């Protein structure tokens, strides 16, 4: 079973994504900040990470950059998932190492297909 780490500061979003992914057969881990997400990614080495952008403290772009530059986590695909549908944010996220960019709200099937696609390489 594939493990997905969800990093988002919103308890509502964490719950929504966790339920959505568990129904699709994924095991989930959650972190409510960029800092906690880094710790969880290093400790658990998930198969994929969903990363919110706007979070207090370390934002999603900063956390993505740190994860992709760390040899322990560099091979974990990161999907930026945000409410901001802006081309500049998409470009910036990809420059930080994200492999995909999804805009909230996202349909279950679209998110699952995106996760499966990035994990397939």
Protein backbone atom coordinates (compact mmCIF):
# COMPACT_ATOMS: atom_id res chain seq x y z
CA UNK A 1 0.00 0.00 0.00
CA UNK A 2 1.39 3.39 -1.01
CA UNK A 3 1.94 5.98 1.73
CA UNK A 4 1.07 9.64 1.12
CA UNK A 5 2.16 12.42 3.48
CA UNK A 6 -0.29 15.34 3.52
CA UNK A 7 1.21 18.65 4.69
CA UNK A 8 -1.42 21.35 5.27
CA UNK A 9 -2.09 23.76 8.14
CA UNK A 10 -5.88 23.46 7.78
CA UNK A 11 -7.42 20.69 9.92
CA UNK A 12 -10.38 20.64 7.52
CA UNK A 13 -8.17 20.12 4.46
CA UNK A 14 -6.10 17.46 6.25
CA UNK A 15 -9.26 15.56 7.16
CA UNK A 16 -10.73 15.92 3.66
CA UNK A 17 -7.59 14.70 1.86
CA UNK A 18 -6.98 11.94 4.39
CA UNK A 19 -10.50 10.55 3.92
CA UNK A 20 -10.31 10.92 0.14
CA UNK A 21 -7.01 9.05 -0.11
CA UNK A 22 -7.83 6.33 2.41
CA UNK A 23 -11.03 5.53 0.48
CA UNK A 24 -8.82 5.13 -2.60
CA UNK A 25 -6.60 2.64 -0.79
CA UNK A 26 -3.67 4.82 0.28
CA UNK A 27 -2.13 4.87 3.72
CA UNK A 28 -1.86 8.49 4.92
CA UNK A 29 0.31 10.48 7.26
CA UNK A 30 -0.42 14.10 8.16
CA UNK A 31 1.59 17.12 9.22
CA UNK A 32 0.15 20.54 10.01
CA UNK A 33 3.22 22.67 9.17
CA UNK A 34 6.19 22.74 6.85
CA UNK A 35 8.53 22.00 9.75
CA UNK A 36 6.50 18.98 10.90
CA UNK A 37 6.24 17.82 7.30
CA UNK A 38 10.03 17.78 6.96
CA UNK A 39 10.36 15.66 10.10
CA UNK A 40 7.63 13.27 9.00
CA UNK A 41 9.08 12.89 5.49
CA UNK A 42 12.55 12.12 6.83
CA UNK A 43 11.23 9.64 9.41
CA UNK A 44 8.62 7.82 7.31
CA UNK A 45 9.94 8.20 3.74
CA UNK A 46 6.45 8.26 2.15
CA UNK A 47 5.83 7.34 -1.49
CA UNK A 48 4.39 10.79 -2.27
CA UNK A 49 3.83 14.15 -0.56
CA UNK A 50 0.90 16.56 -0.97
CA UNK A 51 2.16 20.03 -0.05
CA UNK A 52 0.04 23.09 0.72
CA UNK A 53 1.69 26.41 -0.16
CA UNK A 54 0.33 28.98 2.27
CA UNK A 55 1.26 27.96 5.81
CA UNK A 56 2.59 29.95 8.77
CA UNK A 57 6.31 29.60 9.43
CA UNK A 58 7.89 27.58 6.65
CA UNK A 59 5.67 27.80 3.56
CA UNK A 60 5.18 24.96 1.07
CA UNK A 61 7.71 26.29 -1.43
CA UNK A 62 10.41 26.46 1.27
CA UNK A 63 9.57 22.98 2.55
CA UNK A 64 9.58 21.58 -0.99
CA UNK A 65 12.99 23.08 -1.68
CA UNK A 66 14.41 21.60 1.55
CA UNK A 67 12.96 18.15 0.81
CA UNK A 68 14.24 18.03 -2.76
CA UNK A 69 17.73 19.09 -1.68
CA UNK A 70 17.97 16.53 1.15
CA UNK A 71 19.45 13.21 -0.06
CA UNK A 72 17.13 11.34 2.34
CA UNK A 73 13.98 12.78 0.74
CA UNK A 74 15.03 14.00 -2.71
CA UNK A 75 13.44 11.04 -4.51
CA UNK A 76 9.96 11.53 -2.99
CA UNK A 77 7.61 13.14 -5.53
CA UNK A 78 5.93 16.30 -4.22
CA UNK A 79 2.60 17.57 -5.48
CA UNK A 80 1.83 21.21 -4.67
CA UNK A 81 -1.84 21.46 -3.76
CA UNK A 82 -3.14 24.98 -3.24
CA UNK A 83 -6.15 27.26 -3.60
CA UNK A 84 -4.03 29.71 -5.60
CA UNK A 85 -4.52 29.11 -9.32
CA UNK A 86 -1.70 31.33 -10.53
CA UNK A 87 0.76 30.46 -13.26
CA UNK A 88 3.62 32.20 -11.42
CA UNK A 89 3.02 29.99 -8.37
CA UNK A 90 2.96 26.90 -10.54
CA UNK A 91 6.28 27.85 -12.15
CA UNK A 92 7.79 28.72 -8.77
CA UNK A 93 6.63 25.41 -7.26
CA UNK A 94 8.16 23.42 -10.10
CA UNK A 95 11.43 25.34 -9.72
CA UNK A 96 11.53 24.30 -6.06
CA UNK A 97 11.28 20.64 -7.05
CA UNK A 98 7.58 19.83 -7.11
CA UNK A 99 6.59 17.41 -9.87
CA UNK A 100 2.94 18.46 -10.15
CA UNK A 101 0.64 21.35 -9.17
CA UNK A 102 -3.06 20.85 -8.32
CA UNK A 103 -5.62 23.54 -7.48
CA UNK A 104 -8.14 23.15 -4.64
CA UNK A 105 -10.87 22.11 -4.65
CA UNK A 106 -9.78 18.96 -6.43
CA UNK A 107 -11.99 16.02 -7.38
CA UNK A 108 -11.18 12.65 -5.81
CA UNK A 109 -10.50 10.97 -9.15
CA UNK A 110 -8.21 13.79 -10.34
CA UNK A 111 -6.13 13.73 -7.15
CA UNK A 112 -5.81 9.94 -7.12
CA UNK A 113 -4.85 9.92 -10.82
CA UNK A 114 -2.24 12.63 -10.21
CA UNK A 115 -0.73 10.74 -7.27
CA UNK A 116 -0.64 7.47 -9.22
CA UNK A 117 0.94 9.24 -12.18
CA UNK A 118 3.78 10.84 -10.19
CA UNK A 119 4.50 7.63 -8.31
CA UNK A 120 4.71 5.71 -11.58
CA UNK A 121 7.51 8.04 -12.60
